[in-house]
Amino acid sequence: MWRAGRLGRGAALGLLLAVHGVAAFEPISVGIAIGAASALTGYLSYTDLYCRFAECCREEQRLNASALKLELEEKLFGQHLATEVILKALTGFKNNKNPKKPLTLSLHGWAGTGKNFVSQIVAENLHSKGLKSNFVHLFVSTLHFPHEQQIKLYQDQLQGWIRGNVSACASSVFIFDEMDKLHPGVIDAIKPFLDYYEQVDGVSYRKAIFIFLSNAGGDLITKIALDFWRAGRKREDIQLKDLEPVLSVGVFNNKHSGLWHSGLIDRNLIDYFIPFLPLEYRHVKMCVRAEMRARGSAINEDIVTRVAEEMTFFPKSEKIYSDKGCKTVQSRLDFH
């Protein structure tokens, strides 16, 4: 019996190695091999074993809120509101086994303040392969929807793409970048998917997540941040209630927001408008240090200071905020 058991485990190991070799070529062969290995070992279910070699949509997988919190706090600088709201929104949504609608977040602020970076962090915490995952989909307005004359075509394509991917994975993530460059009306094609419907044409969208990234509203956010600064108040004193109402109305009435007179706002289908505050000199220095660490370099404070001082700041009189945020830190660091 001992010899037979040993042989079984050896055969299973051989099959698993074979699976590893064919995983990139033929899913059916992978499935057959995994099924045989699973039968021999009896230790893992077919699904568990298969998902070790191929990406699977784990709809019920819980969010590691502690890991997300730590990553946001350590890597996102000067954005206390974004950190707080995104953490609470994602944690609450993923802990709800029966959400009434998809989670829809709209991230606003000037370039370089961290919107794309946050969407990457969120994607990686929801699906292990992040932006490379088969279940995370990135749309860039200027790339995927460039022509104003083809709005109807884009609407049809967008509906078909989202329907197909949510059918394959209910917990799919959709990220729309450069919303401020999106032609008005395009995004309203997905309105039925974001609403409080149990199903639309036999598909439930309630576990999907939609994230919009936009520069629109950056001027409104900066004005309020500047008002706080001039009043001698800390930026950390700014609360979501100080910005969200102004932001939603401003974006709704902005012809260049991608959400101009959109039914998504009119129907209150966007769960959170999340402001990204303009970054100060001290935040730029944090970004430089983080980039040095990412490159495996020792922190050189002289270089940190030089890179930060090369950035341009506004308003002209006070020079408080970096006009490009941290967007050009990587390229500027290359020169030092």
C-alpha atoms as a PDB file:
ATOM      1  CA  MET A   1       0.000   0.000   0.000  1.00  0.00           C
ATOM      2  CA  TRP A   2       2.868   2.365   0.854  1.00  0.00           C
ATOM      3  CA  ARG A   3       4.534   1.684  -2.508  1.00  0.00           C
ATOM      4  CA  ALA A   4       1.281   2.199  -4.384  1.00  0.00           C
ATOM      5  CA  GLY A   5       0.637   5.476  -2.564  1.00  0.00           C
ATOM      6  CA  ARG A   6       4.129   6.668  -3.314  1.00  0.00           C
ATOM      7  CA  LEU A   7       3.656   5.827  -6.982  1.00  0.00           C
ATOM      8  CA  GLY A   8       0.368   7.739  -7.053  1.00  0.00           C
ATOM      9  CA  ARG A   9       1.924  10.863  -5.655  1.00  0.00           C
ATOM     10  CA  GLY A  10       4.835  10.576  -8.069  1.00  0.00           C
ATOM     11  CA  ALA A  11       2.473  10.227 -11.021  1.00  0.00           C
ATOM     12  CA  ALA A  12       0.487  13.215  -9.804  1.00  0.00           C
ATOM     13  CA  LEU A  13       3.667  15.276  -9.561  1.00  0.00           C
ATOM     14  CA  GLY A  14       4.556  14.281 -13.114  1.00  0.00           C
ATOM     15  CA  LEU A  15       1.146  15.343 -14.334  1.00  0.00           C
ATOM     16  CA  LEU A  16       1.406  18.681 -12.550  1.00  0.00           C
ATOM     17  CA  LEU A  17       4.762  19.315 -14.179  1.00  0.00           C
ATOM     18  CA  ALA A  18       3.215  18.430 -17.500  1.00  0.00           C
ATOM     19  CA  VAL A  19       0.429  20.908 -16.808  1.00  0.00           C
ATOM     20  CA  HIS A  20       2.999  23.631 -16.188  1.00  0.00           C
ATOM     21  CA  GLY A  21       4.542  22.849 -19.548  1.00  0.00           C
ATOM     22  CA  VAL A  22       1.327  22.979 -21.558  1.00  0.00           C
ATOM     23  CA  ALA A  23      -0.459  25.781 -19.682  1.00  0.00           C
ATOM     24  CA  ALA A  24       0.585  28.376 -22.193  1.00  0.00           C
ATOM     25  CA  PHE A  25      -0.560  26.326 -25.161  1.00  0.00           C
ATOM     26  CA  GLU A  26      -3.819  24.470 -24.795  1.00  0.00           C
ATOM     27  CA  PRO A  27      -6.399  25.002 -22.012  1.00  0.00           C
ATOM     28  CA  ILE A  28      -8.175  21.698 -22.818  1.00  0.00           C
ATOM     29  CA  SER A  29      -4.976  19.716 -22.316  1.00  0.00           C
ATOM     30  CA  VAL A  30      -4.373  21.616 -19.108  1.00  0.00           C
ATOM     31  CA  GLY A  31      -7.842  20.725 -17.899  1.00  0.00           C
ATOM     32  CA  ILE A  32      -7.399  16.998 -18.636  1.00  0.00           C
ATOM     33  CA  ALA A  33      -4.016  16.873 -16.927  1.00  0.00           C
ATOM     34  CA  ILE A  34      -5.253  18.763 -13.879  1.00  0.00           C
ATOM     35  CA  GLY A  35      -8.283  16.538 -13.603  1.00  0.00           C
ATOM     36  CA  ALA A  36      -6.076  13.438 -13.620  1.00  0.00           C
ATOM     37  CA  ALA A  37      -3.679  14.948 -11.069  1.00  0.00           C
ATOM     38  CA  SER A  38      -6.553  15.942  -8.840  1.00  0.00           C
ATOM     39  CA  ALA A  39      -8.023  12.449  -8.992  1.00  0.00           C
ATOM     40  CA  LEU A  40      -4.673  10.917  -8.010  1.00  0.00           C
ATOM     41  CA  THR A  41      -3.927  13.259  -5.122  1.00  0.00           C
ATOM     42  CA  GLY A  42      -7.398  13.917  -3.781  1.00  0.00           C
ATOM     43  CA  TYR A  43      -5.972  16.999  -2.074  1.00  0.00           C
ATOM     44  CA  LEU A  44      -7.233  19.829  -4.280  1.00  0.00           C
ATOM     45  CA  SER A  45     -10.420  20.498  -6.166  1.00  0.00           C
ATOM     46  CA  TYR A  46     -10.269  20.783  -9.926  1.00  0.00           C
ATOM     47  CA  THR A  47     -10.900  24.529  -9.730  1.00  0.00           C
ATOM     48  CA  ASP A  48      -8.231  25.166  -7.088  1.00  0.00           C
ATOM     49  CA  LEU A  49      -5.639  23.210  -9.019  1.00  0.00           C
ATOM     50  CA  TYR A  50      -6.550  24.722 -12.366  1.00  0.00           C
ATOM     51  CA  CYS A  51      -6.337  28.236 -10.949  1.00  0.00           C
ATOM     52  CA  ARG A  52      -2.747  27.630  -9.913  1.00  0.00           C
ATOM     53  CA  PHE A  53      -1.766  27.569 -13.555  1.00  0.00           C
ATOM     54  CA  ALA A  54      -4.322  29.842 -15.209  1.00  0.00           C
ATOM     55  CA  GLU A  55      -5.915  33.096 -14.110  1.00  0.00           C
ATOM     56  CA  CYS A  56      -9.370  32.555 -12.662  1.00  0.00           C
ATOM     57  CA  CYS A  57     -12.149  34.958 -11.808  1.00  0.00           C
ATOM     58  CA  ARG A  58     -12.586  34.591  -8.040  1.00  0.00           C
ATOM     59  CA  GLU A  59     -15.902  36.365  -7.564  1.00  0.00           C
ATOM     60  CA  GLU A  60     -16.127  35.620  -3.844  1.00  0.00           C
ATOM     61  CA  GLN A  61     -12.498  36.418  -3.034  1.00  0.00           C
ATOM     62  CA  ARG A  62     -12.342  38.858  -0.135  1.00  0.00           C
ATOM     63  CA  LEU A  63     -10.392  42.067  -0.315  1.00  0.00           C
ATOM     64  CA  ASN A  64      -7.323  42.276   1.917  1.00  0.00           C
ATOM     65  CA  ALA A  65      -8.246  45.668   3.342  1.00  0.00           C
ATOM     66  CA  SER A  66      -5.148  45.849   5.549  1.00  0.00           C
ATOM     67  CA  ALA A  67      -2.825  45.332   2.562  1.00  0.00           C
ATOM     68  CA  LEU A  68      -4.700  47.939   0.515  1.00  0.00           C
ATOM     69  CA  LYS A  69      -4.602  50.443   3.381  1.00  0.00           C
ATOM     70  CA  LEU A  70      -0.867  49.954   3.879  1.00  0.00           C
ATOM     71  CA  GLU A  71      -0.124  50.327   0.170  1.00  0.00           C
ATOM     72  CA  LEU A  72      -2.160  53.518  -0.160  1.00  0.00           C
ATOM     73  CA  GLU A  73      -0.608  55.056   2.945  1.00  0.00           C
ATOM     74  CA  GLU A  74       2.946  54.178   1.912  1.00  0.00           C
ATOM     75  CA  LYS A  75       2.769  54.986  -1.804  1.00  0.00           C
ATOM     76  CA  LEU A  76       0.162  57.728  -2.265  1.00  0.00           C
ATOM     77  CA  PHE A  77       1.304  61.129  -1.051  1.00  0.00           C
ATOM     78  CA  GLY A  78      -0.777  64.130  -0.031  1.00  0.00           C
ATOM     79  CA  GLN A  79      -4.136  62.484  -0.747  1.00  0.00           C
ATOM     80  CA  HIS A  80      -5.810  61.824   2.597  1.00  0.00           C
ATOM     81  CA  LEU A  81      -9.303  62.056   1.080  1.00  0.00           C
ATOM     82  CA  ALA A  82      -8.611  59.625  -1.762  1.00  0.00           C
ATOM     83  CA  THR A  83      -6.973  57.140   0.610  1.00  0.00           C
ATOM     84  CA  GLU A  84      -9.869  57.238   3.063  1.00  0.00           C
ATOM     85  CA  VAL A  85     -12.725  57.127   0.555  1.00  0.00           C
ATOM     86  CA  ILE A  86     -11.258  54.468  -1.746  1.00  0.00           C
ATOM     87  CA  LEU A  87     -10.442  52.186   1.180  1.00  0.00           C
ATOM     88  CA  LYS A  88     -13.927  52.494   2.694  1.00  0.00           C
ATOM     89  CA  ALA A  89     -15.715  52.210  -0.660  1.00  0.00           C
ATOM     90  CA  LEU A  90     -13.850  49.085  -1.797  1.00  0.00           C
ATOM     91  CA  THR A  91     -13.960  47.385   1.589  1.00  0.00           C
ATOM     92  CA  GLY A  92     -17.695  47.968   1.997  1.00  0.00           C
ATOM     93  CA  PHE A  93     -18.460  46.873  -1.555  1.00  0.00           C
ATOM     94  CA  LYS A  94     -16.380  43.683  -1.458  1.00  0.00           C
ATOM     95  CA  ASN A  95     -17.772  42.704   1.954  1.00  0.00           C
ATOM     96  CA  ASN A  96     -21.330  42.998   0.652  1.00  0.00           C
ATOM     97  CA  LYS A  97     -22.336  39.631  -0.785  1.00  0.00           C
ATOM     98  CA  ASN A  98     -25.385  41.102  -2.483  1.00  0.00           C
ATOM     99  CA  PRO A  99     -24.677  44.662  -3.715  1.00  0.00           C
ATOM    100  CA  LYS A 100     -27.619  46.464  -5.309  1.00  0.00           C
ATOM    101  CA  LYS A 101     -25.509  48.052  -8.058  1.00  0.00           C
ATOM    102  CA  PRO A 102     -21.918  48.088  -9.331  1.00  0.00           C
ATOM    103  CA  LEU A 103     -19.409  50.275  -7.496  1.00  0.00           C
ATOM    104  CA  THR A 104     -18.723  53.426  -9.533  1.00  0.00           C
ATOM    105  CA  LEU A 105     -15.927  55.818  -8.588  1.00  0.00           C
ATOM    106  CA  SER A 106     -15.017  59.069 -10.335  1.00  0.00           C
ATOM    107  CA  LEU A 107     -11.484  60.320  -9.596  1.00  0.00           C
ATOM    108  CA  HIS A 108     -10.759  64.002 -10.284  1.00  0.00           C
ATOM    109  CA  GLY A 109      -7.714  66.251 -10.113  1.00  0.00           C
ATOM    110  CA  TRP A 110      -4.828  67.703 -12.076  1.00  0.00           C
ATOM    111  CA  ALA A 111      -2.307  65.473 -13.855  1.00  0.00           C
ATOM    112  CA  GLY A 112       0.360  63.915 -11.667  1.00  0.00           C
ATOM    113  CA  THR A 113      -1.686  63.856  -8.470  1.00  0.00           C
ATOM    114  CA  GLY A 114      -2.028  60.048  -8.382  1.00  0.00           C
ATOM    115  CA  LYS A 115      -5.266  59.063 -10.147  1.00  0.00           C
ATOM    116  CA  ASN A 116      -3.701  56.531 -12.540  1.00  0.00           C
ATOM    117  CA  PHE A 117      -1.413  55.270  -9.799  1.00  0.00           C
ATOM    118  CA  VAL A 118      -4.379  54.611  -7.522  1.00  0.00           C
ATOM    119  CA  SER A 119      -6.307  52.801 -10.257  1.00  0.00           C
ATOM    120  CA  GLN A 120      -3.275  50.536 -10.684  1.00  0.00           C
ATOM    121  CA  ILE A 121      -3.123  49.828  -6.939  1.00  0.00           C
ATOM    122  CA  VAL A 122      -6.856  49.078  -6.867  1.00  0.00           C
ATOM    123  CA  ALA A 123      -6.596  46.735  -9.865  1.00  0.00           C
ATOM    124  CA  GLU A 124      -3.706  44.817  -8.263  1.00  0.00           C
ATOM    125  CA  ASN A 125      -5.609  44.403  -4.997  1.00  0.00           C
ATOM    126  CA  LEU A 126      -8.706  43.101  -6.771  1.00  0.00           C
ATOM    127  CA  HIS A 127      -7.004  40.863  -9.353  1.00  0.00           C
ATOM    128  CA  SER A 128      -3.465  39.635  -8.785  1.00  0.00           C
ATOM    129  CA  LYS A 129      -2.255  40.496 -12.295  1.00  0.00           C
ATOM    130  CA  GLY A 130      -3.490  44.064 -11.977  1.00  0.00           C
ATOM    131  CA  LEU A 131      -3.739  45.944 -15.260  1.00  0.00           C
ATOM    132  CA  LYS A 132      -2.469  42.835 -17.065  1.00  0.00           C
ATOM    133  CA  SER A 133      -5.374  40.765 -15.785  1.00  0.00           C
ATOM    134  CA  ASN A 134      -7.953  39.395 -18.199  1.00  0.00           C
ATOM    135  CA  PHE A 135     -10.559  40.802 -15.824  1.00  0.00           C
ATOM    136  CA  VAL A 136      -9.301  44.396 -15.700  1.00  0.00           C
ATOM    137  CA  HIS A 137     -10.084  46.562 -18.725  1.00  0.00           C
ATOM    138  CA  LEU A 138      -8.562  49.963 -19.432  1.00  0.00           C
ATOM    139  CA  PHE A 139     -10.146  52.396 -21.892  1.00  0.00           C
ATOM    140  CA  VAL A 140      -8.276  55.536 -22.962  1.00  0.00           C
ATOM    141  CA  SER A 141     -10.564  58.131 -24.531  1.00  0.00           C
ATOM    142  CA  THR A 142      -8.126  59.481 -27.112  1.00  0.00           C
ATOM    143  CA  LEU A 143      -7.157  55.950 -28.162  1.00  0.00           C
ATOM    144  CA  HIS A 144     -10.417  54.008 -28.082  1.00  0.00           C
ATOM    145  CA  PHE A 145     -12.976  56.763 -28.804  1.00  0.00           C
ATOM    146  CA  PRO A 146     -11.148  59.387 -30.903  1.00  0.00           C
ATOM    147  CA  HIS A 147     -13.755  60.439 -33.495  1.00  0.00           C
ATOM    148  CA  GLU A 148     -16.789  62.523 -32.599  1.00  0.00           C
ATOM    149  CA  GLN A 149     -18.644  61.340 -35.723  1.00  0.00           C
ATOM    150  CA  GLN A 150     -18.594  57.724 -34.497  1.00  0.00           C
ATOM    151  CA  ILE A 151     -20.242  58.136 -31.100  1.00  0.00           C
ATOM    152  CA  LYS A 152     -23.050  55.664 -31.927  1.00  0.00           C
ATOM    153  CA  LEU A 153     -20.510  53.040 -33.005  1.00  0.00           C
ATOM    154  CA  TYR A 154     -18.498  53.565 -29.809  1.00  0.00           C
ATOM    155  CA  GLN A 155     -21.643  53.230 -27.696  1.00  0.00           C
ATOM    156  CA  ASP A 156     -22.548  49.906 -29.333  1.00  0.00           C
ATOM    157  CA  GLN A 157     -18.989  48.589 -29.057  1.00  0.00           C
ATOM    158  CA  LEU A 158     -18.728  49.644 -25.428  1.00  0.00           C
ATOM    159  CA  GLN A 159     -21.967  47.938 -24.469  1.00  0.00           C
ATOM    160  CA  GLY A 160     -20.921  44.745 -26.246  1.00  0.00           C
ATOM    161  CA  TRP A 161     -17.466  44.736 -24.677  1.00  0.00           C
ATOM    162  CA  ILE A 162     -18.713  45.269 -21.134  1.00  0.00           C
ATOM    163  CA  ARG A 163     -21.572  42.780 -21.510  1.00  0.00           C
ATOM    164  CA  GLY A 164     -19.209  40.089 -22.780  1.00  0.00           C
ATOM    165  CA  ASN A 165     -16.581  40.598 -20.097  1.00  0.00           C
ATOM    166  CA  VAL A 166     -19.012  40.775 -17.183  1.00  0.00           C
ATOM    167  CA  SER A 167     -20.634  37.577 -18.497  1.00  0.00           C
ATOM    168  CA  ALA A 168     -17.201  35.950 -18.267  1.00  0.00           C
ATOM    169  CA  CYS A 169     -16.320  37.474 -14.874  1.00  0.00           C
ATOM    170  CA  ALA A 170     -18.909  39.195 -12.707  1.00  0.00           C
ATOM    171  CA  SER A 171     -16.203  40.995 -10.703  1.00  0.00           C
ATOM    172  CA  SER A 172     -14.612  42.634 -13.741  1.00  0.00           C
ATOM    173  CA  VAL A 173     -13.018  46.070 -13.329  1.00  0.00           C
ATOM    174  CA  PHE A 174     -13.396  48.784 -15.989  1.00  0.00           C
ATOM    175  CA  ILE A 175     -11.159  51.864 -15.927  1.00  0.00           C
ATOM    176  CA  PHE A 176     -11.884  54.865 -18.153  1.00  0.00           C
ATOM    177  CA  ASP A 177      -8.894  57.194 -18.447  1.00  0.00           C
ATOM    178  CA  GLU A 178      -8.959  60.755 -19.845  1.00  0.00           C
ATOM    179  CA  MET A 179     -12.664  61.136 -19.213  1.00  0.00           C
ATOM    180  CA  ASP A 180     -12.255  64.882 -19.783  1.00  0.00           C
ATOM    181  CA  LYS A 181     -11.368  64.081 -23.421  1.00  0.00           C
ATOM    182  CA  LEU A 182     -14.311  61.734 -23.975  1.00  0.00           C
ATOM    183  CA  HIS A 183     -16.980  62.979 -26.372  1.00  0.00           C
ATOM    184  CA  PRO A 184     -20.237  63.804 -24.549  1.00  0.00           C
ATOM    185  CA  GLY A 185     -22.788  61.003 -24.704  1.00  0.00           C
ATOM    186  CA  VAL A 186     -20.391  58.070 -25.147  1.00  0.00           C
ATOM    187  CA  ILE A 187     -20.309  57.111 -21.477  1.00  0.00           C
ATOM    188  CA  ASP A 188     -24.113  57.181 -21.175  1.00  0.00           C
ATOM    189  CA  ALA A 189     -24.154  53.952 -23.180  1.00  0.00           C
ATOM    190  CA  ILE A 190     -23.223  52.086 -19.997  1.00  0.00           C
ATOM    191  CA  LYS A 191     -25.893  53.746 -17.853  1.00  0.00           C
ATOM    192  CA  PRO A 192     -28.137  50.620 -17.722  1.00  0.00           C
ATOM    193  CA  PHE A 193     -25.190  48.597 -16.415  1.00  0.00           C
ATOM    194  CA  LEU A 194     -24.571  51.009 -13.529  1.00  0.00           C
ATOM    195  CA  ASP A 195     -28.189  51.247 -12.434  1.00  0.00           C
ATOM    196  CA  TYR A 196     -30.100  49.342  -9.749  1.00  0.00           C
ATOM    197  CA  TYR A 197     -31.170  46.482 -12.023  1.00  0.00           C
ATOM    198  CA  GLU A 198     -30.885  42.887 -10.882  1.00  0.00           C
ATOM    199  CA  GLN A 199     -30.081  41.905 -14.464  1.00  0.00           C
ATOM    200  CA  VAL A 200     -29.870  43.513 -17.890  1.00  0.00           C
ATOM    201  CA  ASP A 201     -30.598  41.079 -20.741  1.00  0.00           C
ATOM    202  CA  GLY A 202     -29.825  38.153 -18.456  1.00  0.00           C
ATOM    203  CA  VAL A 203     -26.522  39.547 -17.104  1.00  0.00           C
ATOM    204  CA  SER A 204     -25.964  40.903 -13.595  1.00  0.00           C
ATOM    205  CA  TYR A 205     -23.493  43.798 -13.329  1.00  0.00           C
ATOM    206  CA  ARG A 206     -23.848  44.278  -9.575  1.00  0.00           C
ATOM    207  CA  LYS A 207     -20.400  42.933  -8.672  1.00  0.00           C
ATOM    208  CA  ALA A 208     -18.466  44.877 -11.310  1.00  0.00           C
ATOM    209  CA  ILE A 209     -16.435  48.008 -10.576  1.00  0.00           C
ATOM    210  CA  PHE A 210     -16.219  51.089 -12.796  1.00  0.00           C
ATOM    211  CA  ILE A 211     -13.546  53.762 -12.286  1.00  0.00           C
ATOM    212  CA  PHE A 212     -13.435  57.087 -14.145  1.00  0.00           C
ATOM    213  CA  LEU A 213     -10.254  59.201 -14.235  1.00  0.00           C
ATOM    214  CA  SER A 214     -10.516  62.854 -15.159  1.00  0.00           C
ATOM    215  CA  ASN A 215      -8.650  66.164 -14.990  1.00  0.00           C
ATOM    216  CA  ALA A 216     -12.039  67.909 -15.005  1.00  0.00           C
ATOM    217  CA  GLY A 217     -12.741  69.660 -11.737  1.00  0.00           C
ATOM    218  CA  GLY A 218      -9.056  70.179 -11.009  1.00  0.00           C
ATOM    219  CA  ASP A 219      -9.578  73.942 -10.942  1.00  0.00           C
ATOM    220  CA  LEU A 220     -12.420  73.615  -8.394  1.00  0.00           C
ATOM    221  CA  ILE A 221     -10.353  71.336  -6.169  1.00  0.00           C
ATOM    222  CA  THR A 222      -7.375  73.702  -6.320  1.00  0.00           C
ATOM    223  CA  LYS A 223      -9.527  76.715  -5.436  1.00  0.00           C
ATOM    224  CA  ILE A 224     -10.833  75.080  -2.271  1.00  0.00           C
ATOM    225  CA  ALA A 225      -7.388  73.771  -1.285  1.00  0.00           C
ATOM    226  CA  LEU A 226      -5.968  77.264  -1.809  1.00  0.00           C
ATOM    227  CA  ASP A 227      -8.744  78.830   0.265  1.00  0.00           C
ATOM    228  CA  PHE A 228      -7.841  76.504   3.136  1.00  0.00           C
ATOM    229  CA  TRP A 229      -4.145  77.354   2.796  1.00  0.00           C
ATOM    230  CA  ARG A 230      -4.766  81.105   2.741  1.00  0.00           C
ATOM    231  CA  ALA A 231      -6.979  80.783   5.812  1.00  0.00           C
ATOM    232  CA  GLY A 232      -4.118  79.076   7.647  1.00  0.00           C
ATOM    233  CA  ARG A 233      -5.900  75.727   7.773  1.00  0.00           C
ATOM    234  CA  LYS A 234      -4.214  72.364   7.151  1.00  0.00           C
ATOM    235  CA  ARG A 235      -4.991  70.517   3.913  1.00  0.00           C
ATOM    236  CA  GLU A 236      -5.769  67.489   6.094  1.00  0.00           C
ATOM    237  CA  ASP A 237      -8.721  69.477   7.459  1.00  0.00           C
ATOM    238  CA  ILE A 238     -10.385  69.370   4.032  1.00  0.00           C
ATOM    239  CA  GLN A 239     -13.258  66.898   4.120  1.00  0.00           C
ATOM    240  CA  LEU A 240     -15.112  65.131   1.332  1.00  0.00           C
ATOM    241  CA  LYS A 241     -18.227  67.215   2.046  1.00  0.00           C
ATOM    242  CA  ASP A 242     -16.207  70.360   1.245  1.00  0.00           C
ATOM    243  CA  LEU A 243     -15.515  69.150  -2.287  1.00  0.00           C
ATOM    244  CA  GLU A 244     -17.862  66.410  -3.494  1.00  0.00           C
ATOM    245  CA  PRO A 245     -21.027  68.530  -4.050  1.00  0.00           C
ATOM    246  CA  VAL A 246     -19.078  71.249  -5.864  1.00  0.00           C
ATOM    247  CA  LEU A 247     -17.244  68.638  -7.905  1.00  0.00           C
ATOM    248  CA  SER A 248     -20.338  66.718  -9.065  1.00  0.00           C
ATOM    249  CA  VAL A 249     -22.156  69.909 -10.133  1.00  0.00           C
ATOM    250  CA  GLY A 250     -19.047  71.333 -11.781  1.00  0.00           C
ATOM    251  CA  VAL A 251     -18.376  68.170 -13.787  1.00  0.00           C
ATOM    252  CA  PHE A 252     -22.044  67.867 -14.786  1.00  0.00           C
ATOM    253  CA  ASN A 253     -21.974  71.421 -16.212  1.00  0.00           C
ATOM    254  CA  ASN A 254     -18.537  71.126 -17.833  1.00  0.00           C
ATOM    255  CA  LYS A 255     -18.776  70.431 -21.578  1.00  0.00           C
ATOM    256  CA  HIS A 256     -15.257  69.008 -21.504  1.00  0.00           C
ATOM    257  CA  SER A 257     -15.693  66.573 -18.621  1.00  0.00           C
ATOM    258  CA  GLY A 258     -17.008  63.530 -20.500  1.00  0.00           C
ATOM    259  CA  LEU A 259     -19.903  63.630 -18.015  1.00  0.00           C
ATOM    260  CA  TRP A 260     -21.551  66.799 -19.316  1.00  0.00           C
ATOM    261  CA  HIS A 261     -25.300  66.533 -18.582  1.00  0.00           C
ATOM    262  CA  SER A 262     -24.734  62.801 -18.151  1.00  0.00           C
ATOM    263  CA  GLY A 263     -27.478  60.518 -16.933  1.00  0.00           C
ATOM    264  CA  LEU A 264     -24.879  58.879 -14.697  1.00  0.00           C
ATOM    265  CA  ILE A 265     -24.821  62.003 -12.544  1.00  0.00           C
ATOM    266  CA  ASP A 266     -28.479  62.897 -13.061  1.00  0.00           C
ATOM    267  CA  ARG A 267     -29.496  59.443 -11.801  1.00  0.00           C
ATOM    268  CA  ASN A 268     -26.931  59.485  -8.953  1.00  0.00           C
ATOM    269  CA  LEU A 269     -25.212  56.394 -10.322  1.00  0.00           C
ATOM    270  CA  ILE A 270     -21.699  57.555  -9.432  1.00  0.00           C
ATOM    271  CA  ASP A 271     -21.160  56.467  -5.840  1.00  0.00           C
ATOM    272  CA  TYR A 272     -18.229  58.739  -5.018  1.00  0.00           C
ATOM    273  CA  PHE A 273     -16.604  61.764  -6.618  1.00  0.00           C
ATOM    274  CA  ILE A 274     -13.085  61.538  -5.233  1.00  0.00           C
ATOM    275  CA  PRO A 275     -10.930  64.688  -5.282  1.00  0.00           C
ATOM    276  CA  PHE A 276      -7.147  64.502  -5.704  1.00  0.00           C
ATOM    277  CA  LEU A 277      -5.589  67.583  -4.154  1.00  0.00           C
ATOM    278  CA  PRO A 278      -2.760  69.513  -5.839  1.00  0.00           C
ATOM    279  CA  LEU A 279       0.654  68.443  -4.543  1.00  0.00           C
ATOM    280  CA  GLU A 280       2.960  70.688  -2.552  1.00  0.00           C
ATOM    281  CA  TYR A 281       6.763  70.873  -2.575  1.00  0.00           C
ATOM    282  CA  ARG A 282       7.036  68.396   0.325  1.00  0.00           C
ATOM    283  CA  HIS A 283       4.911  65.863  -1.560  1.00  0.00           C
ATOM    284  CA  VAL A 284       7.104  66.134  -4.647  1.00  0.00           C
ATOM    285  CA  LYS A 285      10.118  65.316  -2.473  1.00  0.00           C
ATOM    286  CA  MET A 286       8.250  62.245  -1.170  1.00  0.00           C
ATOM    287  CA  CYS A 287       7.688  61.142  -4.757  1.00  0.00           C
ATOM    288  CA  VAL A 288      11.388  61.526  -5.568  1.00  0.00           C
ATOM    289  CA  ARG A 289      12.389  59.417  -2.557  1.00  0.00           C
ATOM    290  CA  ALA A 290       9.835  56.741  -3.476  1.00  0.00           C
ATOM    291  CA  GLU A 291      11.191  56.593  -7.041  1.00  0.00           C
ATOM    292  CA  MET A 292      14.753  56.251  -5.718  1.00  0.00           C
ATOM    293  CA  ARG A 293      13.678  53.352  -3.508  1.00  0.00           C
ATOM    294  CA  ALA A 294      11.875  51.725  -6.439  1.00  0.00           C
ATOM    295  CA  ARG A 295      15.111  51.896  -8.427  1.00  0.00           C
ATOM    296  CA  GLY A 296      17.095  50.372  -5.579  1.00  0.00           C
ATOM    297  CA  SER A 297      19.098  53.564  -5.097  1.00  0.00           C
ATOM    298  CA  ALA A 298      20.222  55.052  -1.804  1.00  0.00           C
ATOM    299  CA  ILE A 299      18.284  58.175  -0.825  1.00  0.00           C
ATOM    300  CA  ASN A 300      20.385  61.233  -1.626  1.00  0.00           C
ATOM    301  CA  GLU A 301      18.707  64.285  -0.109  1.00  0.00           C
ATOM    302  CA  ASP A 302      20.740  66.681  -2.274  1.00  0.00           C
ATOM    303  CA  ILE A 303      19.327  65.047  -5.405  1.00  0.00           C
ATOM    304  CA  VAL A 304      15.843  64.948  -3.867  1.00  0.00           C
ATOM    305  CA  THR A 305      16.001  68.699  -3.294  1.00  0.00           C
ATOM    306  CA  ARG A 306      17.410  69.460  -6.760  1.00  0.00           C
ATOM    307  CA  VAL A 307      14.709  67.438  -8.538  1.00  0.00           C
ATOM    308  CA  ALA A 308      11.951  69.063  -6.475  1.00  0.00           C
ATOM    309  CA  GLU A 309      13.305  72.549  -7.120  1.00  0.00           C
ATOM    310  CA  GLU A 310      13.330  71.939 -10.883  1.00  0.00           C
ATOM    311  CA  MET A 311       9.544  71.629 -10.848  1.00  0.00           C
ATOM    312  CA  THR A 312       7.376  74.685 -11.453  1.00  0.00           C
ATOM    313  CA  PHE A 313       4.817  75.767  -8.853  1.00  0.00           C
ATOM    314  CA  PHE A 314       1.665  77.903  -8.828  1.00  0.00           C
ATOM    315  CA  PRO A 315       0.027  80.349  -8.149  1.00  0.00           C
ATOM    316  CA  LYS A 316       2.762  82.730  -9.291  1.00  0.00           C
ATOM    317  CA  SER A 317       2.577  84.802  -6.113  1.00  0.00           C
ATOM    318  CA  GLU A 318       2.698  81.950  -3.583  1.00  0.00           C
ATOM    319  CA  LYS A 319       4.147  79.012  -5.586  1.00  0.00           C
ATOM    320  CA  ILE A 320       2.506  76.362  -3.437  1.00  0.00           C
ATOM    321  CA  TYR A 321       1.452  73.589  -5.804  1.00  0.00           C
ATOM    322  CA  SER A 322       3.399  71.653  -8.433  1.00  0.00           C
ATOM    323  CA  ASP A 323       1.800  72.282 -11.817  1.00  0.00           C
ATOM    324  CA  LYS A 324       2.562  68.713 -12.959  1.00  0.00           C
ATOM    325  CA  GLY A 325       2.241  67.044  -9.601  1.00  0.00           C
ATOM    326  CA  CYS A 326       4.737  64.162  -9.550  1.00  0.00           C
ATOM    327  CA  LYS A 327       4.239  63.256 -13.198  1.00  0.00           C
ATOM    328  CA  THR A 328       7.730  64.214 -14.418  1.00  0.00           C
ATOM    329  CA  VAL A 329       9.674  62.996 -11.380  1.00  0.00           C
ATOM    330  CA  GLN A 330      10.892  59.811 -13.110  1.00  0.00           C
ATOM    331  CA  SER A 331      12.244  61.582 -16.188  1.00  0.00           C
ATOM    332  CA  ARG A 332      13.856  64.359 -14.153  1.00  0.00           C
ATOM    333  CA  LEU A 333      15.537  61.863 -11.860  1.00  0.00           C
ATOM    334  CA  ASP A 334      17.210  60.303 -14.908  1.00  0.00           C
ATOM    335  CA  PHE A 335      19.324  63.446 -15.267  1.00  0.00           C
ATOM    336  CA  HIS A 336      20.848  63.120 -11.779  1.00  0.00           C
END
